[in-house]
Amino acid sequence: MPERVPHDHPSVETVRATLARRGRSSRPRLALPDDADRFPTGTTRLVLGGETHHARIESGLDGDREITGAYDNARLARDRDGTDRLDEWRSSAGIDLGRSVVVDVVEPGFLYGVREPGERAVYEATEPPDEGLAAIARDLDGDRDG
């Protein structure tokens, strides 16, 4: 059974990010600190409002790390297909674009949580898959960059 870890647990690092506008659209992107160790590019799990989704951490046009959407599974995240749960979460929480949010780094490259500053969160900390098995799965699924 996965261990439950609160956002203020010593193993969870918390950083500020910005819920920014994606280009000229009204769709959000999560502008992350440019830190390759904390935010390596590739597909990851992202908790929004207590629900776990999948997202891609990418290098934006300015070179900084960003997440441009959250989806129901890893394939949808890679293809950017289906309902964007990041936009859905932003709308339901009433968070304006340009506002700061908090990102909890539960397991770098594997599990992150996004919340409003001051909001509490508890995460189900599961172990990342064995890197050898994860590489085989990425190769089979066609996701060679993470």
N, C-alpha and C. Protein backbone atom coordinates (compact mmCIF):
# COMPACT_ATOMS: atom_id res chain seq x y z
N MET A 1 0.84 -1.17 0.00
CA MET A 1 0.00 0.00 0.00
C MET A 1 0.89 1.24 0.00
N PRO A 2 0.56 2.23 -0.84
CA PRO A 2 1.38 3.44 -0.90
C PRO A 2 1.33 4.22 0.41
N GLU A 3 2.43 4.84 0.71
CA GLU A 3 2.53 5.69 1.90
C GLU A 3 1.91 7.05 1.59
N ARG A 4 1.20 7.62 2.54
CA ARG A 4 0.62 8.96 2.38
C ARG A 4 1.58 9.97 2.98
N VAL A 5 1.91 10.99 2.17
CA VAL A 5 2.90 11.99 2.57
C VAL A 5 2.27 13.38 2.48
N PRO A 6 2.27 14.14 3.58
CA PRO A 6 1.73 15.51 3.52
C PRO A 6 2.71 16.44 2.82
N HIS A 7 2.18 17.55 2.32
CA HIS A 7 3.02 18.49 1.57
C HIS A 7 4.15 19.08 2.41
N ASP A 8 3.97 19.10 3.74
CA ASP A 8 5.01 19.69 4.59
C ASP A 8 5.95 18.64 5.19
N HIS A 9 5.93 17.44 4.65
CA HIS A 9 6.85 16.38 5.09
C HIS A 9 8.28 16.78 4.67
N PRO A 10 9.29 16.46 5.50
CA PRO A 10 10.67 16.85 5.16
C PRO A 10 11.18 16.32 3.81
N SER A 11 10.59 15.23 3.32
CA SER A 11 11.05 14.67 2.05
C SER A 11 10.47 15.40 0.84
N VAL A 12 9.47 16.27 1.04
CA VAL A 12 8.81 16.99 -0.05
C VAL A 12 9.39 18.40 -0.13
N GLU A 13 9.93 18.73 -1.28
CA GLU A 13 10.45 20.08 -1.51
C GLU A 13 9.35 20.90 -2.18
N THR A 14 9.16 22.12 -1.74
CA THR A 14 8.12 22.99 -2.28
C THR A 14 8.75 24.20 -2.94
N VAL A 15 8.31 24.50 -4.17
CA VAL A 15 8.81 25.65 -4.91
C VAL A 15 7.63 26.45 -5.46
N ARG A 16 7.88 27.69 -5.79
CA ARG A 16 6.85 28.53 -6.42
C ARG A 16 6.95 28.41 -7.92
N ALA A 17 5.81 28.48 -8.57
CA ALA A 17 5.71 28.48 -10.03
C ALA A 17 4.62 29.47 -10.40
N THR A 18 4.49 29.76 -11.68
CA THR A 18 3.48 30.69 -12.14
C THR A 18 2.52 29.98 -13.08
N LEU A 19 1.24 30.21 -12.86
CA LEU A 19 0.23 29.70 -13.78
C LEU A 19 0.07 30.79 -14.85
N ALA A 20 0.84 30.65 -15.91
CA ALA A 20 0.95 31.68 -16.93
C ALA A 20 0.03 31.39 -18.12
N ARG A 21 -0.10 32.36 -18.97
CA ARG A 21 -0.87 32.23 -20.20
C ARG A 21 -0.02 31.49 -21.24
N ARG A 22 -0.66 30.56 -21.96
CA ARG A 22 0.04 29.83 -23.02
C ARG A 22 -0.09 30.63 -24.31
N GLY A 23 0.99 31.33 -24.68
CA GLY A 23 0.95 32.19 -25.87
C GLY A 23 -0.07 33.29 -25.70
N ARG A 24 -0.88 33.49 -26.72
CA ARG A 24 -1.93 34.52 -26.65
C ARG A 24 -3.29 33.92 -26.27
N SER A 25 -3.30 32.64 -26.01
CA SER A 25 -4.56 31.97 -25.68
C SER A 25 -4.93 32.20 -24.21
N SER A 26 -6.09 31.74 -23.84
CA SER A 26 -6.51 31.82 -22.43
C SER A 26 -6.24 30.49 -21.72
N ARG A 27 -5.49 29.61 -22.37
CA ARG A 27 -5.15 28.33 -21.77
C ARG A 27 -3.89 28.47 -20.93
N PRO A 28 -3.86 27.76 -19.79
CA PRO A 28 -2.72 27.93 -18.88
C PRO A 28 -1.52 27.06 -19.22
N ARG A 29 -0.39 27.50 -18.73
CA ARG A 29 0.81 26.68 -18.70
C ARG A 29 1.42 26.91 -17.33
N LEU A 30 2.06 25.91 -16.82
CA LEU A 30 2.71 26.02 -15.52
C LEU A 30 4.18 26.32 -15.78
N ALA A 31 4.59 27.55 -15.51
CA ALA A 31 5.98 27.97 -15.70
C ALA A 31 6.77 27.57 -14.46
N LEU A 32 7.66 26.61 -14.62
CA LEU A 32 8.42 26.02 -13.51
C LEU A 32 9.79 26.67 -13.39
N PRO A 33 10.41 26.55 -12.21
CA PRO A 33 11.81 26.98 -12.10
C PRO A 33 12.67 26.15 -13.05
N ASP A 34 13.65 26.78 -13.66
CA ASP A 34 14.52 26.08 -14.61
C ASP A 34 15.56 25.28 -13.83
N ASP A 35 15.19 24.08 -13.45
CA ASP A 35 16.04 23.23 -12.63
C ASP A 35 15.91 21.80 -13.15
N ALA A 36 16.88 21.37 -13.93
CA ALA A 36 16.82 20.05 -14.57
C ALA A 36 16.82 18.90 -13.57
N ASP A 37 17.42 19.09 -12.41
CA ASP A 37 17.42 18.02 -11.41
C ASP A 37 16.03 17.83 -10.79
N ARG A 38 15.36 18.92 -10.50
CA ARG A 38 14.02 18.83 -9.91
C ARG A 38 12.95 18.58 -10.96
N PHE A 39 13.16 19.11 -12.17
CA PHE A 39 12.14 19.03 -13.22
C PHE A 39 12.73 18.52 -14.53
N PRO A 40 13.13 17.26 -14.59
CA PRO A 40 13.66 16.72 -15.84
C PRO A 40 12.54 16.61 -16.88
N THR A 41 12.89 16.81 -18.15
CA THR A 41 11.87 16.73 -19.20
C THR A 41 11.37 15.30 -19.35
N GLY A 42 10.12 15.18 -19.74
CA GLY A 42 9.50 13.88 -19.95
C GLY A 42 8.14 13.81 -19.29
N THR A 43 7.52 12.64 -19.39
CA THR A 43 6.19 12.42 -18.84
C THR A 43 6.28 12.13 -17.35
N THR A 44 5.37 12.72 -16.59
CA THR A 44 5.38 12.60 -15.14
C THR A 44 3.95 12.54 -14.62
N ARG A 45 3.80 12.31 -13.33
CA ARG A 45 2.49 12.35 -12.68
C ARG A 45 2.33 13.71 -12.01
N LEU A 46 1.11 14.26 -12.10
CA LEU A 46 0.84 15.59 -11.57
C LEU A 46 -0.49 15.55 -10.81
N VAL A 47 -0.44 15.88 -9.53
CA VAL A 47 -1.64 15.88 -8.69
C VAL A 47 -2.23 17.28 -8.66
N LEU A 48 -3.50 17.37 -9.03
CA LEU A 48 -4.25 18.62 -9.04
C LEU A 48 -5.54 18.40 -8.27
N GLY A 49 -5.75 19.13 -7.19
CA GLY A 49 -6.98 18.99 -6.42
C GLY A 49 -7.22 17.59 -5.90
N GLY A 50 -6.15 16.88 -5.57
CA GLY A 50 -6.26 15.53 -5.02
C GLY A 50 -6.36 14.43 -6.06
N GLU A 51 -6.45 14.77 -7.33
CA GLU A 51 -6.53 13.78 -8.42
C GLU A 51 -5.20 13.69 -9.15
N THR A 52 -4.76 12.46 -9.42
CA THR A 52 -3.50 12.27 -10.13
C THR A 52 -3.74 12.20 -11.63
N HIS A 53 -2.96 12.98 -12.35
CA HIS A 53 -3.03 13.03 -13.81
C HIS A 53 -1.61 12.83 -14.35
N HIS A 54 -1.47 12.91 -15.65
CA HIS A 54 -0.16 12.80 -16.29
C HIS A 54 0.11 14.08 -17.08
N ALA A 55 1.38 14.46 -17.12
CA ALA A 55 1.78 15.69 -17.80
C ALA A 55 3.17 15.50 -18.38
N ARG A 56 3.53 16.42 -19.26
CA ARG A 56 4.88 16.43 -19.82
C ARG A 56 5.59 17.69 -19.35
N ILE A 57 6.78 17.49 -18.81
CA ILE A 57 7.65 18.63 -18.50
C ILE A 57 8.50 18.84 -19.74
N GLU A 58 8.47 20.08 -20.24
CA GLU A 58 9.20 20.40 -21.46
C GLU A 58 10.01 21.68 -21.27
N SER A 59 10.92 21.91 -22.19
CA SER A 59 11.62 23.19 -22.23
C SER A 59 10.81 24.10 -23.13
N GLY A 60 10.42 25.26 -22.60
CA GLY A 60 9.64 26.22 -23.37
C GLY A 60 10.49 26.97 -24.36
N LEU A 61 9.86 27.87 -25.10
CA LEU A 61 10.59 28.66 -26.10
C LEU A 61 11.67 29.52 -25.47
N ASP A 62 11.45 29.93 -24.21
CA ASP A 62 12.45 30.74 -23.51
C ASP A 62 13.51 29.89 -22.81
N GLY A 63 13.40 28.56 -22.94
CA GLY A 63 14.37 27.65 -22.33
C GLY A 63 14.00 27.19 -20.94
N ASP A 64 13.01 27.84 -20.31
CA ASP A 64 12.58 27.43 -18.97
C ASP A 64 11.70 26.19 -19.05
N ARG A 65 11.60 25.50 -17.93
CA ARG A 65 10.75 24.31 -17.85
C ARG A 65 9.28 24.73 -17.76
N GLU A 66 8.39 23.93 -18.38
CA GLU A 66 6.97 24.22 -18.32
C GLU A 66 6.14 22.96 -18.49
N ILE A 67 4.92 23.04 -18.00
CA ILE A 67 3.90 22.01 -18.21
C ILE A 67 2.74 22.72 -18.88
N THR A 68 2.33 22.23 -20.06
CA THR A 68 1.28 22.91 -20.81
C THR A 68 -0.07 22.22 -20.71
N GLY A 69 -0.18 21.18 -19.92
CA GLY A 69 -1.46 20.52 -19.74
C GLY A 69 -1.30 19.27 -18.89
N ALA A 70 -2.41 18.79 -18.35
CA ALA A 70 -2.43 17.56 -17.57
C ALA A 70 -3.57 16.70 -18.11
N TYR A 71 -3.33 15.40 -18.24
CA TYR A 71 -4.28 14.52 -18.92
C TYR A 71 -4.48 13.24 -18.11
N ASP A 72 -5.44 12.44 -18.54
CA ASP A 72 -5.85 11.27 -17.77
C ASP A 72 -4.86 10.11 -17.78
N ASN A 73 -4.00 10.03 -18.78
CA ASN A 73 -2.98 8.98 -18.79
C ASN A 73 -1.75 9.47 -19.55
N ALA A 74 -0.69 8.69 -19.51
CA ALA A 74 0.59 9.11 -20.09
C ALA A 74 0.51 9.28 -21.61
N ARG A 75 -0.23 8.41 -22.29
CA ARG A 75 -0.34 8.53 -23.75
C ARG A 75 -1.03 9.84 -24.13
N LEU A 76 -2.12 10.16 -23.43
CA LEU A 76 -2.82 11.41 -23.70
C LEU A 76 -1.93 12.62 -23.41
N ALA A 77 -1.11 12.53 -22.38
CA ALA A 77 -0.19 13.62 -22.05
C ALA A 77 0.85 13.80 -23.17
N ARG A 78 1.39 12.70 -23.67
CA ARG A 78 2.38 12.80 -24.75
C ARG A 78 1.76 13.38 -26.02
N ASP A 79 0.50 12.98 -26.31
CA ASP A 79 -0.18 13.43 -27.53
C ASP A 79 -0.93 14.74 -27.34
N ARG A 80 -1.01 15.22 -26.08
CA ARG A 80 -1.81 16.40 -25.74
C ARG A 80 -3.23 16.24 -26.28
N ASP A 81 -3.82 15.12 -25.95
CA ASP A 81 -5.14 14.76 -26.46
C ASP A 81 -6.10 14.57 -25.28
N GLY A 82 -7.33 14.90 -25.46
CA GLY A 82 -8.30 14.74 -24.39
C GLY A 82 -8.48 16.02 -23.59
N THR A 83 -9.17 15.90 -22.47
CA THR A 83 -9.46 17.05 -21.62
C THR A 83 -8.21 17.49 -20.87
N ASP A 84 -7.93 18.78 -20.93
CA ASP A 84 -6.79 19.34 -20.22
C ASP A 84 -7.20 19.57 -18.77
N ARG A 85 -6.74 18.71 -17.88
CA ARG A 85 -7.12 18.79 -16.47
C ARG A 85 -6.47 19.98 -15.76
N LEU A 86 -5.35 20.50 -16.28
CA LEU A 86 -4.74 21.70 -15.70
C LEU A 86 -5.69 22.89 -15.88
N ASP A 87 -6.22 23.05 -17.08
CA ASP A 87 -7.16 24.13 -17.36
C ASP A 87 -8.45 23.94 -16.55
N GLU A 88 -8.90 22.71 -16.47
CA GLU A 88 -10.10 22.38 -15.70
C GLU A 88 -9.90 22.73 -14.21
N TRP A 89 -8.74 22.36 -13.66
CA TRP A 89 -8.43 22.64 -12.26
C TRP A 89 -8.36 24.15 -12.02
N ARG A 90 -7.68 24.87 -12.90
CA ARG A 90 -7.55 26.32 -12.78
C ARG A 90 -8.92 26.97 -12.77
N SER A 91 -9.79 26.56 -13.69
CA SER A 91 -11.13 27.14 -13.77
C SER A 91 -11.95 26.83 -12.52
N SER A 92 -11.93 25.58 -12.07
CA SER A 92 -12.75 25.20 -10.91
C SER A 92 -12.23 25.85 -9.62
N ALA A 93 -10.92 26.09 -9.54
CA ALA A 93 -10.35 26.72 -8.36
C ALA A 93 -10.44 28.25 -8.42
N GLY A 94 -10.78 28.78 -9.61
CA GLY A 94 -10.89 30.23 -9.76
C GLY A 94 -9.56 30.94 -9.71
N ILE A 95 -8.51 30.30 -10.21
CA ILE A 95 -7.18 30.88 -10.19
C ILE A 95 -6.95 31.66 -11.49
N ASP A 96 -6.61 32.92 -11.37
CA ASP A 96 -6.35 33.76 -12.53
C ASP A 96 -4.98 33.44 -13.13
N LEU A 97 -4.88 33.57 -14.45
CA LEU A 97 -3.60 33.41 -15.12
C LEU A 97 -2.66 34.52 -14.65
N GLY A 98 -1.40 34.18 -14.48
CA GLY A 98 -0.39 35.11 -14.00
C GLY A 98 -0.17 35.00 -12.50
N ARG A 99 -0.95 34.18 -11.85
CA ARG A 99 -0.85 34.04 -10.40
C ARG A 99 0.16 32.95 -10.01
N SER A 100 0.78 33.12 -8.86
CA SER A 100 1.71 32.11 -8.34
C SER A 100 0.95 30.94 -7.74
N VAL A 101 1.50 29.77 -7.93
CA VAL A 101 1.00 28.55 -7.30
C VAL A 101 2.20 27.85 -6.66
N VAL A 102 1.93 26.82 -5.91
CA VAL A 102 2.97 26.07 -5.23
C VAL A 102 3.09 24.70 -5.90
N VAL A 103 4.32 24.27 -6.14
CA VAL A 103 4.58 22.94 -6.69
C VAL A 103 5.33 22.14 -5.64
N ASP A 104 4.76 21.01 -5.25
CA ASP A 104 5.41 20.10 -4.32
C ASP A 104 6.14 19.04 -5.12
N VAL A 105 7.44 18.94 -4.90
CA VAL A 105 8.26 17.93 -5.57
C VAL A 105 8.28 16.71 -4.65
N VAL A 106 7.39 15.77 -4.91
CA VAL A 106 7.28 14.58 -4.07
C VAL A 106 8.37 13.58 -4.46
N GLU A 107 8.54 13.35 -5.75
CA GLU A 107 9.58 12.46 -6.28
C GLU A 107 10.02 13.06 -7.61
N PRO A 108 11.21 13.73 -7.66
CA PRO A 108 11.64 14.40 -8.90
C PRO A 108 11.56 13.48 -10.12
N GLY A 109 10.94 13.99 -11.18
CA GLY A 109 10.81 13.24 -12.41
C GLY A 109 9.68 12.23 -12.41
N PHE A 110 8.98 12.09 -11.28
CA PHE A 110 7.94 11.07 -11.19
C PHE A 110 6.62 11.59 -10.65
N LEU A 111 6.63 12.38 -9.56
CA LEU A 111 5.39 12.81 -8.93
C LEU A 111 5.52 14.23 -8.38
N TYR A 112 4.60 15.09 -8.82
CA TYR A 112 4.53 16.48 -8.39
C TYR A 112 3.09 16.79 -8.00
N GLY A 113 2.92 17.77 -7.13
CA GLY A 113 1.60 18.26 -6.78
C GLY A 113 1.55 19.76 -6.97
N VAL A 114 0.43 20.26 -7.46
CA VAL A 114 0.25 21.70 -7.65
C VAL A 114 -0.93 22.12 -6.78
N ARG A 115 -0.75 23.22 -6.06
CA ARG A 115 -1.81 23.71 -5.18
C ARG A 115 -1.70 25.21 -5.03
N GLU A 116 -2.76 25.79 -4.52
CA GLU A 116 -2.75 27.21 -4.21
C GLU A 116 -1.90 27.41 -2.95
N PRO A 117 -1.19 28.54 -2.84
CA PRO A 117 -0.43 28.81 -1.61
C PRO A 117 -1.36 28.76 -0.40
N GLY A 118 -0.92 28.10 0.66
CA GLY A 118 -1.70 27.97 1.88
C GLY A 118 -2.61 26.76 1.92
N GLU A 119 -2.88 26.17 0.77
CA GLU A 119 -3.71 24.97 0.71
C GLU A 119 -2.91 23.76 1.17
N ARG A 120 -3.55 22.85 1.87
CA ARG A 120 -2.89 21.64 2.33
C ARG A 120 -3.10 20.52 1.31
N ALA A 121 -2.15 19.60 1.25
CA ALA A 121 -2.26 18.46 0.34
C ALA A 121 -1.57 17.25 0.95
N VAL A 122 -2.10 16.09 0.64
CA VAL A 122 -1.49 14.82 1.03
C VAL A 122 -1.37 13.99 -0.24
N TYR A 123 -0.19 13.40 -0.45
CA TYR A 123 0.09 12.64 -1.66
C TYR A 123 0.29 11.17 -1.34
N GLU A 124 -0.10 10.32 -2.29
CA GLU A 124 0.19 8.90 -2.18
C GLU A 124 1.55 8.69 -2.83
N ALA A 125 2.55 8.50 -1.99
CA ALA A 125 3.92 8.34 -2.48
C ALA A 125 4.15 6.89 -2.89
N THR A 126 4.17 6.67 -4.18
CA THR A 126 4.47 5.34 -4.70
C THR A 126 5.88 5.37 -5.26
N GLU A 127 6.50 4.24 -5.32
CA GLU A 127 7.85 4.16 -5.85
C GLU A 127 7.84 4.33 -7.36
N PRO A 128 8.78 5.10 -7.90
CA PRO A 128 8.89 5.17 -9.37
C PRO A 128 9.23 3.79 -9.91
N PRO A 129 8.84 3.51 -11.15
CA PRO A 129 9.15 2.20 -11.72
C PRO A 129 10.66 2.02 -11.86
N ASP A 130 11.09 0.79 -11.84
CA ASP A 130 12.48 0.45 -12.08
C ASP A 130 12.90 1.07 -13.41
N GLU A 131 14.05 1.76 -13.45
CA GLU A 131 14.46 2.49 -14.65
C GLU A 131 14.58 1.57 -15.86
N GLY A 132 15.04 0.35 -15.68
CA GLY A 132 15.14 -0.58 -16.81
C GLY A 132 13.77 -0.91 -17.38
N LEU A 133 12.82 -1.18 -16.50
CA LEU A 133 11.46 -1.46 -16.94
C LEU A 133 10.81 -0.23 -17.55
N ALA A 134 11.07 0.94 -16.97
CA ALA A 134 10.50 2.18 -17.50
C ALA A 134 11.03 2.45 -18.91
N ALA A 135 12.32 2.18 -19.14
CA ALA A 135 12.90 2.39 -20.47
C ALA A 135 12.27 1.45 -21.49
N ILE A 136 12.04 0.21 -21.11
CA ILE A 136 11.40 -0.75 -22.01
C ILE A 136 9.99 -0.27 -22.34
N ALA A 137 9.25 0.18 -21.34
CA ALA A 137 7.88 0.66 -21.56
C ALA A 137 7.88 1.87 -22.48
N ARG A 138 8.82 2.81 -22.28
CA ARG A 138 8.90 3.99 -23.14
C ARG A 138 9.20 3.57 -24.58
N ASP A 139 10.13 2.63 -24.75
CA ASP A 139 10.46 2.17 -26.10
C ASP A 139 9.25 1.53 -26.78
N LEU A 140 8.52 0.71 -26.04
CA LEU A 140 7.34 0.05 -26.60
C LEU A 140 6.25 1.05 -26.93
N ASP A 141 6.17 2.10 -26.14
CA ASP A 141 5.12 3.09 -26.32
C ASP A 141 5.55 4.23 -27.22
N GLY A 142 6.82 4.26 -27.62
CA GLY A 142 7.30 5.28 -28.53
C GLY A 142 7.70 6.59 -27.87
N ASP A 143 7.90 6.60 -26.57
CA ASP A 143 8.29 7.81 -25.84
C ASP A 143 9.75 7.68 -25.44
N ARG A 144 10.64 8.10 -26.30
CA ARG A 144 12.06 7.90 -26.07
C ARG A 144 12.74 9.03 -25.31
N ASP A 145 12.04 10.14 -25.05
CA ASP A 145 12.69 11.26 -24.37
C ASP A 145 12.31 11.38 -22.90
N GLY A 146 11.68 10.40 -22.32
CA GLY A 146 11.39 10.47 -20.89
C GLY A 146 10.05 10.17 -20.60
